[in-house]
Amino acid sequence: MTSLPRQRRNQAVLVAGQLLSGVGVASGVAVGGILAAELAGTTAASGFVQTASALGAGLVAVPLANLAVRAGRRWALSAGFALGAVGATLVLLAAELGQFWLMAAGMLFFGSATAAGLQARYAAVDGAAPEKAGRAMAIVIWATTVGSVAGPNLSEPGRLLGMNLGLVPLSGPFVFSLVAFVTAALVIAVFFLAPAANAGAKPVKSAKQHGAWRALRLASRNPRALFALATVTGGHAIMVGVMVMTPVAMNAHGHSLEIIGIVISLHILGMYAASPVFGWLVDRIGAQSVAFIGMGIFLAAIALGAVVSDSSDPMLMSVALAMLGLGWSACLIGGSSLLNQSAPDDLRVPLQGANDMMMNFGAAGMAALAGPVLAWGGFFWVNMMALAVLLVMVTLALRALRTTPERASAEPVTDTVA
């Protein structure tokens, strides 16, 4: 099979995997907090679901990248989705046994599906021509939209399914997660092909291999690579930190769950719907420019969020959260593309895994901090916390500007700038 049909087939397979995994993740997470609170007997346990899932995604990101180096993307992505299925199974078992600790363990494994979904964006680039790499990545990210929107709407059908199967009703949506993850793993394992050697992209394997920590140390010496790492990690932390506290802040101001749901839906739409546009911009004006656009959108979103913090006006909050999603999308696509361009063959895949680990750990830490900050100072200070992260990103961006694109593309990631 020639390189172009092979790349198109792989992209279709990755899109199918993202659709399935998006449904699986969203349907489980939508009710996971409520189920956790029931099992633990306290509402405080509900926030642990998001943290455990993010930690699980971070813990497995590097092993999946190492597996991609040794055995190829097909087995790495399949393994990630399969581990997510194990997690869904453990959650179902935990619900039947009434054991919160078992659900916590299950959510750690559940996060593996998220890690696989994130690494799929790099798999899309492996077989793409360099001038179309941004669009190839963006289309795979965009495919998550359908699953993310459809998943929460399966909560009630899942509850009814759980009742009909004799399960704990709230565990029913995790049956959908289990089926979706197993199907995604099988689709990738059966239909995904290794990129052709002449596809115009760097191969996944390389003669010289590095671990994730060494890749990070070497990347820290290159301003563009460091900027790329900070863009993806910081952008994800900003998005999660503000997003998870928005429903809490709006609820405190007396807004209904329906209004809160609309605001979050618009946020999710912002996260994914415009990704093809940002991918096209990467191919037209460059990954670094798209990352700067993302930071500018983040600044506007944070400023608006801070202004409406005293009232949580639904209309303005919807705009702020939609912009927050757009900023995340631009930073994820621009930063990930820049990382791909900045790293040589022997560092590329380990660095991808290390970055995904960092972004998930960063999100878990930001989510954990956002709660106490909200309780102490309100939604205004949650946005100020996000602004502090953005300032770090801007600082590294300005440092990266000292390296011209021509010089940076010629320098290995191990070089430093005078």
Protein backbone atom coordinates (compact mmCIF):
# COMPACT_ATOMS: atom_id res chain seq x y z
CA MET A 1 0.00 0.00 0.00
CA THR A 2 1.41 3.39 -1.00
CA SER A 3 1.99 6.09 1.56
CA LEU A 4 -1.07 8.30 0.82
CA PRO A 5 -3.75 5.56 1.00
CA ARG A 6 -1.98 4.15 4.05
CA GLN A 7 -2.05 7.54 5.77
CA ARG A 8 -5.72 8.08 4.92
CA ARG A 9 -6.62 4.65 6.23
CA ASN A 10 -4.71 5.23 9.45
CA GLN A 11 -6.38 8.59 9.93
CA ALA A 12 -9.82 7.00 9.47
CA VAL A 13 -8.91 4.30 12.00
CA LEU A 14 -7.67 6.89 14.48
CA VAL A 15 -10.85 8.95 14.04
CA ALA A 16 -12.94 5.85 14.74
CA GLY A 17 -10.88 5.12 17.84
CA GLN A 18 -11.30 8.70 19.06
CA LEU A 19 -15.05 8.60 18.54
CA LEU A 20 -15.31 5.41 20.58
CA SER A 21 -12.92 6.46 23.33
CA GLY A 22 -14.59 9.87 23.59
CA VAL A 23 -17.93 8.20 24.25
CA GLY A 24 -16.32 5.85 26.76
CA VAL A 25 -14.52 8.55 28.73
CA ALA A 26 -17.38 11.06 28.76
CA SER A 27 -20.12 8.56 29.64
CA GLY A 28 -18.15 7.28 32.64
CA VAL A 29 -16.90 10.60 33.95
CA ALA A 30 -20.38 12.15 33.66
CA VAL A 31 -21.69 9.96 36.50
CA GLY A 32 -18.41 8.95 38.12
CA GLY A 33 -18.49 11.70 40.74
CA ILE A 34 -22.02 10.83 41.85
CA LEU A 35 -21.20 7.12 42.04
CA ALA A 36 -18.02 7.85 44.01
CA ALA A 37 -19.99 9.96 46.51
CA GLU A 38 -22.49 7.13 46.98
CA LEU A 39 -19.79 4.53 47.56
CA ALA A 40 -17.76 6.73 49.93
CA GLY A 41 -20.76 8.20 51.72
CA THR A 42 -19.50 11.77 51.31
CA THR A 43 -19.71 14.37 48.54
CA ALA A 44 -16.04 15.19 49.08
CA ALA A 45 -15.18 11.97 47.23
CA SER A 46 -16.82 13.20 44.02
CA GLY A 47 -13.89 15.41 43.06
CA PHE A 48 -11.48 12.51 43.46
CA VAL A 49 -12.75 10.89 40.26
CA GLN A 50 -11.36 13.62 38.00
CA THR A 51 -8.07 13.68 39.90
CA ALA A 52 -7.65 9.89 39.84
CA SER A 53 -8.41 9.70 36.13
CA ALA A 54 -5.91 12.49 35.35
CA LEU A 55 -3.26 10.84 37.51
CA GLY A 56 -3.84 7.54 35.74
CA ALA A 57 -3.43 9.21 32.35
CA GLY A 58 -0.20 10.81 33.53
CA LEU A 59 1.21 7.61 34.98
CA VAL A 60 0.66 5.58 31.84
CA ALA A 61 1.73 8.23 29.28
CA VAL A 62 5.44 7.43 29.40
CA PRO A 63 5.05 3.62 29.37
CA LEU A 64 2.76 3.93 26.34
CA ALA A 65 5.34 6.10 24.57
CA ASN A 66 8.06 3.55 25.37
CA LEU A 67 5.84 0.81 23.97
CA ALA A 68 5.33 2.89 20.81
CA VAL A 69 9.11 3.07 20.36
CA ARG A 70 9.57 -0.67 20.85
CA ALA A 71 6.48 -2.11 19.16
CA GLY A 72 4.80 0.73 17.23
CA ARG A 73 1.82 3.01 17.69
CA ARG A 74 -0.72 0.26 17.01
CA TRP A 75 0.13 -1.73 20.10
CA ALA A 76 0.67 1.32 22.29
CA LEU A 77 -2.74 2.79 21.50
CA SER A 78 -4.47 -0.59 21.74
CA ALA A 79 -2.86 -1.22 25.13
CA GLY A 80 -4.02 2.18 26.39
CA PHE A 81 -7.63 1.56 25.42
CA ALA A 82 -7.46 -2.00 26.79
CA LEU A 83 -6.24 -0.69 30.16
CA GLY A 84 -9.14 1.76 30.10
CA ALA A 85 -11.47 -1.23 29.68
CA VAL A 86 -9.85 -2.84 32.72
CA GLY A 87 -10.59 0.35 34.62
CA ALA A 88 -14.24 0.35 33.58
CA THR A 89 -14.50 -3.29 34.69
CA LEU A 90 -13.02 -2.46 38.10
CA VAL A 91 -15.51 0.39 38.53
CA LEU A 92 -18.40 -1.97 37.75
CA LEU A 93 -17.03 -4.46 40.26
CA ALA A 94 -16.53 -1.72 42.85
CA ALA A 95 -20.15 -0.63 42.51
CA GLU A 96 -21.38 -4.18 43.07
CA LEU A 97 -19.12 -4.67 46.10
CA GLY A 98 -19.71 -1.16 47.45
CA GLN A 99 -15.96 -0.48 47.69
CA PHE A 100 -14.80 3.08 47.05
CA TRP A 101 -11.10 2.14 47.10
CA LEU A 102 -11.69 -0.29 44.24
CA MET A 103 -13.41 2.44 42.24
CA ALA A 104 -10.42 4.73 42.88
CA ALA A 105 -8.11 2.04 41.48
CA GLY A 106 -10.45 1.57 38.54
CA MET A 107 -10.38 5.27 37.71
CA LEU A 108 -6.58 5.20 37.61
CA PHE A 109 -6.78 2.52 34.91
CA PHE A 110 -9.71 4.39 33.32
CA GLY A 111 -7.37 7.32 32.68
CA SER A 112 -5.29 5.12 30.37
CA ALA A 113 -7.94 5.59 27.69
CA THR A 114 -7.47 9.35 27.95
CA ALA A 115 -3.70 8.91 27.59
CA ALA A 116 -4.19 6.76 24.48
CA GLY A 117 -6.58 9.33 23.02
CA LEU A 118 -4.01 12.08 23.55
CA GLN A 119 -1.19 10.08 21.96
CA ALA A 120 -3.40 9.38 18.94
CA ARG A 121 -2.77 12.98 17.84
CA TYR A 122 0.91 12.16 17.38
CA ALA A 123 0.10 8.91 15.60
CA ALA A 124 -1.86 10.94 13.05
CA VAL A 125 1.26 12.99 12.26
CA ASP A 126 3.58 9.99 11.88
CA GLY A 127 2.32 9.17 8.40
CA ALA A 128 1.40 12.66 7.21
CA ALA A 129 3.29 14.91 4.82
CA PRO A 130 5.01 17.74 6.75
CA GLU A 131 2.95 20.44 5.01
CA LYS A 132 -0.28 18.72 6.16
CA ALA A 133 0.81 17.58 9.62
CA GLY A 134 -1.17 20.25 11.48
CA ARG A 135 -4.43 19.33 9.77
CA ALA A 136 -3.82 15.62 10.29
CA MET A 137 -3.41 16.16 14.03
CA ALA A 138 -6.38 18.51 14.27
CA ILE A 139 -8.82 16.14 12.55
CA VAL A 140 -8.06 13.40 15.06
CA ILE A 141 -8.51 15.85 17.95
CA TRP A 142 -11.75 17.11 16.38
CA ALA A 143 -13.14 13.56 16.29
CA THR A 144 -13.26 13.64 20.09
CA THR A 145 -16.05 16.24 19.86
CA VAL A 146 -18.75 13.73 18.97
CA GLY A 147 -17.83 11.36 21.78
CA SER A 148 -17.48 14.12 24.35
CA VAL A 149 -20.92 15.51 23.52
CA ALA A 150 -22.67 12.16 23.13
CA GLY A 151 -21.15 10.53 26.22
CA PRO A 152 -22.92 12.58 28.93
CA ASN A 153 -26.23 12.11 27.10
CA LEU A 154 -25.88 8.36 27.68
CA SER A 155 -26.16 8.81 31.44
CA GLU A 156 -29.88 8.10 31.64
CA PRO A 157 -29.84 5.22 29.07
CA GLY A 158 -26.87 3.83 30.98
CA ARG A 159 -28.75 4.02 34.27
CA LEU A 160 -31.68 2.14 32.73
CA LEU A 161 -29.29 -0.42 31.25
CA GLY A 162 -27.73 -0.93 34.66
CA MET A 163 -31.14 -1.55 36.19
CA ASN A 164 -32.07 -4.04 33.45
CA LEU A 165 -28.78 -5.91 33.92
CA GLY A 166 -29.24 -6.06 37.68
CA LEU A 167 -26.31 -3.70 38.33
CA VAL A 168 -26.09 -0.63 40.52
CA PRO A 169 -27.98 1.85 38.29
CA LEU A 170 -25.30 4.56 38.31
CA SER A 171 -22.68 2.04 37.19
CA GLY A 172 -24.63 1.39 33.97
CA PRO A 173 -22.84 4.09 31.92
CA PHE A 174 -19.56 2.32 32.64
CA VAL A 175 -20.91 -0.61 30.62
CA PHE A 176 -20.91 1.76 27.64
CA SER A 177 -17.35 2.75 28.58
CA LEU A 178 -16.26 -0.88 28.71
CA VAL A 179 -17.74 -1.69 25.31
CA ALA A 180 -16.37 1.50 23.75
CA PHE A 181 -12.81 0.94 25.03
CA VAL A 182 -12.72 -2.73 23.99
CA THR A 183 -14.01 -1.83 20.53
CA ALA A 184 -11.48 1.01 20.18
CA ALA A 185 -8.63 -1.32 21.16
CA LEU A 186 -9.74 -3.90 18.59
CA VAL A 187 -10.21 -1.33 15.81
CA ILE A 188 -6.69 0.03 16.31
CA ALA A 189 -5.11 -3.43 16.70
CA VAL A 190 -6.74 -4.87 13.59
CA PHE A 191 -6.82 -1.97 11.13
CA PHE A 192 -3.99 0.44 11.98
CA LEU A 193 -0.92 0.14 9.74
CA ALA A 194 2.66 1.22 10.40
CA PRO A 195 3.40 4.46 8.51
CA ALA A 196 5.30 3.97 5.26
CA ALA A 197 8.99 4.77 5.42
CA ASN A 198 8.65 7.31 2.59
CA ALA A 199 5.53 9.04 3.91
CA GLY A 200 7.39 12.27 4.51
CA ALA A 201 7.22 11.98 8.29
CA LYS A 202 9.78 10.91 10.82
CA PRO A 203 9.63 7.22 11.75
CA VAL A 204 8.47 6.26 15.21
CA LYS A 205 11.45 4.01 15.83
CA SER A 206 15.03 5.20 15.89
CA ALA A 207 18.40 3.57 16.28
CA LYS A 208 19.24 5.52 19.40
CA GLN A 209 16.63 5.48 22.16
CA HIS A 210 16.23 7.73 25.18
CA GLY A 211 14.01 7.56 28.23
CA ALA A 212 11.41 10.20 28.99
CA TRP A 213 13.40 11.90 31.76
CA ARG A 214 16.53 12.20 29.62
CA ALA A 215 14.40 13.54 26.78
CA LEU A 216 13.01 16.21 29.10
CA ARG A 217 16.48 17.19 30.32
CA LEU A 218 17.76 17.55 26.79
CA ALA A 219 14.64 19.42 25.64
CA SER A 220 15.00 21.91 28.49
CA ARG A 221 18.16 23.22 26.77
CA ASN A 222 16.27 24.21 23.63
CA PRO A 223 14.02 27.30 23.99
CA ARG A 224 11.54 26.22 21.30
CA ALA A 225 11.14 22.73 22.73
CA LEU A 226 10.75 24.13 26.24
CA PHE A 227 8.15 26.60 24.98
CA ALA A 228 6.27 23.73 23.32
CA LEU A 229 6.27 21.70 26.54
CA ALA A 230 5.05 24.68 28.55
CA THR A 231 2.35 25.52 26.01
CA VAL A 232 0.75 22.08 26.12
CA THR A 233 1.21 21.52 29.87
CA GLY A 234 0.30 25.04 30.97
CA GLY A 235 -2.61 25.33 28.57
CA HIS A 236 -4.13 22.09 29.83
CA ALA A 237 -3.64 23.11 33.46
CA ILE A 238 -5.30 26.49 32.87
CA MET A 239 -8.26 24.93 31.12
CA VAL A 240 -8.86 22.24 33.76
CA GLY A 241 -8.32 24.56 36.74
CA VAL A 242 -10.90 27.11 35.58
CA MET A 243 -13.33 24.65 34.02
CA VAL A 244 -13.76 22.34 37.03
CA MET A 245 -14.53 25.28 39.33
CA THR A 246 -17.00 26.99 36.99
CA PRO A 247 -20.00 24.77 37.91
CA VAL A 248 -19.20 25.19 41.61
CA ALA A 249 -18.98 28.97 41.31
CA MET A 250 -22.17 29.24 39.26
CA ASN A 251 -24.04 26.93 41.62
CA ALA A 252 -23.00 29.16 44.54
CA HIS A 253 -24.65 32.09 42.72
CA GLY A 254 -27.91 30.16 42.39
CA HIS A 255 -27.77 29.19 38.71
CA SER A 256 -29.65 26.04 37.68
CA LEU A 257 -28.00 22.82 36.52
CA GLU A 258 -29.51 23.38 33.08
CA ILE A 259 -27.77 26.76 32.75
CA ILE A 260 -24.51 25.32 34.07
CA GLY A 261 -24.79 22.44 31.59
CA ILE A 262 -25.17 24.86 28.68
CA VAL A 263 -22.08 26.79 29.77
CA ILE A 264 -19.99 23.60 29.99
CA SER A 265 -21.33 22.36 26.65
CA LEU A 266 -20.23 25.61 24.99
CA HIS A 267 -16.84 25.16 26.62
CA ILE A 268 -16.50 21.65 25.17
CA LEU A 269 -17.59 22.96 21.78
CA GLY A 270 -14.83 25.56 21.98
CA MET A 271 -12.29 22.89 22.88
CA TYR A 272 -12.85 20.73 19.81
CA ALA A 273 -15.01 22.33 17.13
CA ALA A 274 -12.36 24.79 15.92
CA SER A 275 -9.45 22.35 15.97
CA PRO A 276 -9.41 21.89 12.16
CA VAL A 277 -9.02 25.67 11.83
CA PHE A 278 -6.04 25.71 14.18
CA GLY A 279 -4.54 22.72 12.37
CA TRP A 280 -4.86 24.57 9.06
CA LEU A 281 -3.25 27.63 10.64
CA VAL A 282 -0.31 25.50 11.84
CA ASP A 283 0.33 24.48 8.23
CA ARG A 284 -0.09 28.05 6.96
CA ILE A 285 1.53 30.36 9.55
CA GLY A 286 3.46 27.93 11.77
CA ALA A 287 2.99 26.11 15.06
CA GLN A 288 4.66 28.81 17.15
CA SER A 289 2.27 31.48 15.84
CA VAL A 290 -0.75 29.31 16.67
CA ALA A 291 0.60 28.83 20.19
CA PHE A 292 0.81 32.63 20.55
CA ILE A 293 -2.79 32.91 19.35
CA GLY A 294 -3.82 30.40 22.00
CA MET A 295 -2.12 32.40 24.74
CA GLY A 296 -3.87 35.56 23.56
CA ILE A 297 -7.25 33.83 23.69
CA PHE A 298 -6.45 32.50 27.16
CA LEU A 299 -5.66 36.03 28.36
CA ALA A 300 -9.03 37.30 27.12
CA ALA A 301 -10.86 34.34 28.68
CA ILE A 302 -9.14 34.79 32.05
CA ALA A 303 -9.83 38.54 32.06
CA LEU A 304 -13.52 38.03 31.27
CA GLY A 305 -13.80 35.25 33.86
CA ALA A 306 -12.32 37.53 36.50
CA VAL A 307 -14.70 40.37 35.58
CA VAL A 308 -17.85 38.21 35.90
CA SER A 309 -16.65 36.36 39.01
CA ASP A 310 -18.89 38.37 41.34
CA SER A 311 -22.10 37.54 39.47
CA SER A 312 -21.34 34.51 37.27
CA ASP A 313 -23.54 36.08 34.59
CA PRO A 314 -24.52 33.09 32.39
CA MET A 315 -24.11 34.92 29.09
CA LEU A 316 -20.66 36.33 29.88
CA MET A 317 -19.61 33.09 31.57
CA SER A 318 -20.57 31.18 28.43
CA VAL A 319 -18.36 33.47 26.35
CA ALA A 320 -15.48 33.15 28.82
CA LEU A 321 -15.70 29.34 28.92
CA ALA A 322 -16.02 29.04 25.13
CA MET A 323 -12.90 31.21 24.77
CA LEU A 324 -11.17 29.07 27.39
CA GLY A 325 -11.86 26.04 25.19
CA LEU A 326 -10.56 27.84 22.09
CA GLY A 327 -7.37 28.82 23.90
CA TRP A 328 -6.85 25.21 24.96
CA SER A 329 -7.35 23.96 21.41
CA ALA A 330 -4.87 26.42 19.91
CA CYS A 331 -2.25 25.72 22.59
CA LEU A 332 -2.66 21.94 22.34
CA ILE A 333 -2.38 21.84 18.54
CA GLY A 334 0.23 24.57 18.25
CA GLY A 335 2.33 23.29 21.16
CA SER A 336 2.12 19.63 20.11
CA SER A 337 3.07 20.49 16.53
CA LEU A 338 5.96 22.64 17.72
CA LEU A 339 7.17 19.81 19.95
CA ASN A 340 7.10 17.43 17.00
CA GLN A 341 9.14 19.87 14.92
CA SER A 342 11.67 20.65 17.66
CA ALA A 343 12.72 17.11 18.56
CA PRO A 344 15.01 14.80 16.55
CA ASP A 345 14.05 11.20 15.84
CA ASP A 346 15.69 9.68 18.90
CA LEU A 347 13.88 12.04 21.32
CA ARG A 348 10.56 12.62 19.61
CA VAL A 349 8.37 9.80 20.95
CA PRO A 350 9.83 9.73 24.52
CA LEU A 351 9.35 13.51 24.65
CA GLN A 352 5.75 13.16 23.50
CA GLY A 353 5.05 10.71 26.30
CA ALA A 354 6.81 12.89 28.84
CA ASN A 355 4.78 15.91 27.76
CA ASP A 356 1.50 14.01 28.06
CA MET A 357 2.58 12.90 31.53
CA MET A 358 3.31 16.50 32.49
CA MET A 359 0.02 17.85 31.14
CA ASN A 360 -2.04 15.28 33.04
CA PHE A 361 -0.10 15.73 36.28
CA GLY A 362 -0.36 19.48 35.83
CA ALA A 363 -4.13 19.22 35.36
CA ALA A 364 -4.47 17.03 38.45
CA GLY A 365 -2.44 19.48 40.52
CA MET A 366 -4.35 22.50 39.20
CA ALA A 367 -7.70 20.83 39.91
CA ALA A 368 -6.57 19.99 43.45
CA LEU A 369 -5.45 23.60 44.08
CA ALA A 370 -8.48 25.23 42.47
CA GLY A 371 -10.90 23.98 45.14
CA PRO A 372 -9.10 25.57 48.13
CA VAL A 373 -8.45 28.74 46.11
CA LEU A 374 -12.15 29.01 45.26
CA ALA A 375 -13.13 28.47 48.89
CA TRP A 376 -10.59 31.07 50.06
CA GLY A 377 -10.97 33.88 47.54
CA GLY A 378 -13.69 33.01 45.05
CA PHE A 379 -13.72 32.53 41.29
CA PHE A 380 -11.67 35.71 40.75
CA TRP A 381 -8.62 34.13 42.37
CA VAL A 382 -9.10 30.90 40.43
CA ASN A 383 -8.63 33.03 37.31
CA MET A 384 -5.64 34.77 38.87
CA MET A 385 -4.08 31.35 39.50
CA ALA A 386 -4.61 30.60 35.80
CA LEU A 387 -3.04 33.96 34.93
CA ALA A 388 0.09 33.04 36.92
CA VAL A 389 0.50 29.90 34.80
CA LEU A 390 -0.07 31.93 31.63
CA LEU A 391 2.67 34.39 32.64
CA VAL A 392 5.15 31.51 32.87
CA MET A 393 4.11 30.41 29.38
CA VAL A 394 4.58 33.95 28.03
CA THR A 395 8.02 34.21 29.63
CA LEU A 396 9.17 31.02 27.93
CA ALA A 397 7.58 32.16 24.67
CA LEU A 398 9.56 35.40 24.71
CA ARG A 399 12.73 33.44 25.38
CA ALA A 400 11.94 31.20 22.41
CA LEU A 401 11.62 34.26 20.16
CA ARG A 402 15.36 34.79 20.59
CA THR A 403 15.83 31.72 18.38
CA THR A 404 14.92 32.36 14.76
CA PRO A 405 12.86 29.65 13.01
CA GLU A 406 15.71 28.98 10.55
CA ARG A 407 18.27 28.52 13.30
CA ALA A 408 15.95 26.51 15.51
CA SER A 409 15.08 24.05 12.78
CA ALA A 410 18.77 23.42 12.16
CA GLU A 411 19.67 22.96 15.84
CA PRO A 412 19.32 19.65 17.63
CA VAL A 413 17.26 19.76 20.78
CA THR A 414 20.43 19.35 22.83
CA ASP A 415 21.86 22.73 21.79
CA THR A 416 21.49 25.89 23.85
CA VAL A 417 21.03 29.49 22.83
CA ALA A 418 23.73 31.97 23.70
